[in-house]
Amino acid sequence: MTPAERPDLARARRRQPGVAVPSPCVGVCRMDESTGLCAGCARTLDEIAGWSRLDDDGKLRVWQAIQTRWTPA
């Protein structure tokens, strides 16, 4: 996935105006067995399943984790 295709909070906010903390889903819903992360949004199954129950702070923590996951070590 190129950097332009990766989940980005600013782009998600443009795609989902009026939502305080939009979903990082980019429509590529496939779990990578080697990482345990979605190949599209880099969330875990628990993060995906629990998204709708998280408050805004929890959602922002998931976004922060996503950005860390995409950053090369």
C-alpha atoms as a PDB file:
ATOM      1  CA  MET A   1       0.000   0.000   0.000  1.00  0.00           C
ATOM      2  CA  THR A   2       1.411   3.365  -0.968  1.00  0.00           C
ATOM      3  CA  PRO A   3       1.527   6.229   1.550  1.00  0.00           C
ATOM      4  CA  ALA A   4      -1.286   7.974  -0.341  1.00  0.00           C
ATOM      5  CA  GLU A   5      -3.525   4.919   0.120  1.00  0.00           C
ATOM      6  CA  ARG A   6      -2.803   4.426   3.812  1.00  0.00           C
ATOM      7  CA  PRO A   7      -5.337   5.586   6.381  1.00  0.00           C
ATOM      8  CA  ASP A   8      -4.807   9.220   7.270  1.00  0.00           C
ATOM      9  CA  LEU A   9      -6.893  11.097   9.834  1.00  0.00           C
ATOM     10  CA  ALA A  10      -7.030  14.322   7.800  1.00  0.00           C
ATOM     11  CA  ARG A  11      -8.225  12.479   4.671  1.00  0.00           C
ATOM     12  CA  ALA A  12     -10.718  10.471   6.723  1.00  0.00           C
ATOM     13  CA  ARG A  13     -12.145  13.702   8.115  1.00  0.00           C
ATOM     14  CA  ARG A  14     -12.632  15.006   4.558  1.00  0.00           C
ATOM     15  CA  ARG A  15     -14.350  11.734   3.553  1.00  0.00           C
ATOM     16  CA  GLN A  16     -16.568  11.734   6.635  1.00  0.00           C
ATOM     17  CA  PRO A  17     -17.412  15.369   7.401  1.00  0.00           C
ATOM     18  CA  GLY A  18     -19.314  15.984  10.596  1.00  0.00           C
ATOM     19  CA  VAL A  19     -17.886  12.912  12.338  1.00  0.00           C
ATOM     20  CA  ALA A  20     -15.694  13.886  15.278  1.00  0.00           C
ATOM     21  CA  VAL A  21     -13.305  10.929  14.837  1.00  0.00           C
ATOM     22  CA  PRO A  22     -13.917   9.126  11.553  1.00  0.00           C
ATOM     23  CA  SER A  23     -13.232   5.464  10.893  1.00  0.00           C
ATOM     24  CA  PRO A  24      -9.843   4.600   9.407  1.00  0.00           C
ATOM     25  CA  CYS A  25     -11.451   2.002   7.114  1.00  0.00           C
ATOM     26  CA  VAL A  26     -10.366   2.424   3.486  1.00  0.00           C
ATOM     27  CA  GLY A  27     -12.459  -0.452   2.117  1.00  0.00           C
ATOM     28  CA  VAL A  28      -9.629  -2.997   1.871  1.00  0.00           C
ATOM     29  CA  CYS A  29     -10.947  -5.402   4.471  1.00  0.00           C
ATOM     30  CA  ARG A  30      -8.498  -8.277   4.526  1.00  0.00           C
ATOM     31  CA  MET A  31      -6.554  -9.519   7.540  1.00  0.00           C
ATOM     32  CA  ASP A  32      -2.851 -10.143   7.039  1.00  0.00           C
ATOM     33  CA  GLU A  33      -2.076 -13.438   8.762  1.00  0.00           C
ATOM     34  CA  SER A  34       1.572 -12.544   9.318  1.00  0.00           C
ATOM     35  CA  THR A  35       0.834  -9.298  11.196  1.00  0.00           C
ATOM     36  CA  GLY A  36      -2.688  -9.832  12.527  1.00  0.00           C
ATOM     37  CA  LEU A  37      -3.613  -6.431  11.070  1.00  0.00           C
ATOM     38  CA  CYS A  38      -6.070  -5.381   8.400  1.00  0.00           C
ATOM     39  CA  ALA A  39      -4.158  -4.844   5.154  1.00  0.00           C
ATOM     40  CA  GLY A  40      -6.173  -1.680   4.497  1.00  0.00           C
ATOM     41  CA  CYS A  41      -6.400   0.174   7.794  1.00  0.00           C
ATOM     42  CA  ALA A  42      -3.762  -1.555   9.958  1.00  0.00           C
ATOM     43  CA  ARG A  43      -6.218  -2.197  12.787  1.00  0.00           C
ATOM     44  CA  THR A  44      -6.459  -5.391  14.786  1.00  0.00           C
ATOM     45  CA  LEU A  45      -9.670  -7.428  14.787  1.00  0.00           C
ATOM     46  CA  ASP A  46     -10.374  -6.201  18.326  1.00  0.00           C
ATOM     47  CA  GLU A  47      -9.954  -2.567  17.234  1.00  0.00           C
ATOM     48  CA  ILE A  48     -12.250  -3.093  14.249  1.00  0.00           C
ATOM     49  CA  ALA A  49     -14.899  -4.915  16.290  1.00  0.00           C
ATOM     50  CA  GLY A  50     -14.811  -2.392  19.132  1.00  0.00           C
ATOM     51  CA  TRP A  51     -14.673   0.800  17.050  1.00  0.00           C
ATOM     52  CA  SER A  52     -18.342   1.709  17.419  1.00  0.00           C
ATOM     53  CA  ARG A  53     -18.141   1.351  21.214  1.00  0.00           C
ATOM     54  CA  LEU A  54     -15.055   3.545  21.660  1.00  0.00           C
ATOM     55  CA  ASP A  55     -15.337   7.138  22.788  1.00  0.00           C
ATOM     56  CA  ASP A  56     -13.505   9.823  20.807  1.00  0.00           C
ATOM     57  CA  ASP A  57     -10.363   9.522  22.950  1.00  0.00           C
ATOM     58  CA  GLY A  58     -10.278   5.773  22.373  1.00  0.00           C
ATOM     59  CA  LYS A  59     -10.686   6.265  18.633  1.00  0.00           C
ATOM     60  CA  LEU A  60      -7.847   8.782  18.593  1.00  0.00           C
ATOM     61  CA  ARG A  61      -5.643   6.260  20.424  1.00  0.00           C
ATOM     62  CA  VAL A  62      -6.393   3.722  17.674  1.00  0.00           C
ATOM     63  CA  TRP A  63      -5.472   6.322  15.042  1.00  0.00           C
ATOM     64  CA  GLN A  64      -2.199   6.956  16.885  1.00  0.00           C
ATOM     65  CA  ALA A  65      -1.469   3.223  16.941  1.00  0.00           C
ATOM     66  CA  ILE A  66      -2.174   3.001  13.207  1.00  0.00           C
ATOM     67  CA  GLN A  67       0.284   5.782  12.444  1.00  0.00           C
ATOM     68  CA  THR A  68       2.922   4.026  14.555  1.00  0.00           C
ATOM     69  CA  ARG A  69       2.321   0.749  12.705  1.00  0.00           C
ATOM     70  CA  TRP A  70       2.884   2.382   9.314  1.00  0.00           C
ATOM     71  CA  THR A  71       6.098   4.061  10.444  1.00  0.00           C
ATOM     72  CA  PRO A  72       9.143   1.988   9.492  1.00  0.00           C
ATOM     73  CA  ALA A  73      11.228   0.787  12.432  1.00  0.00           C
END
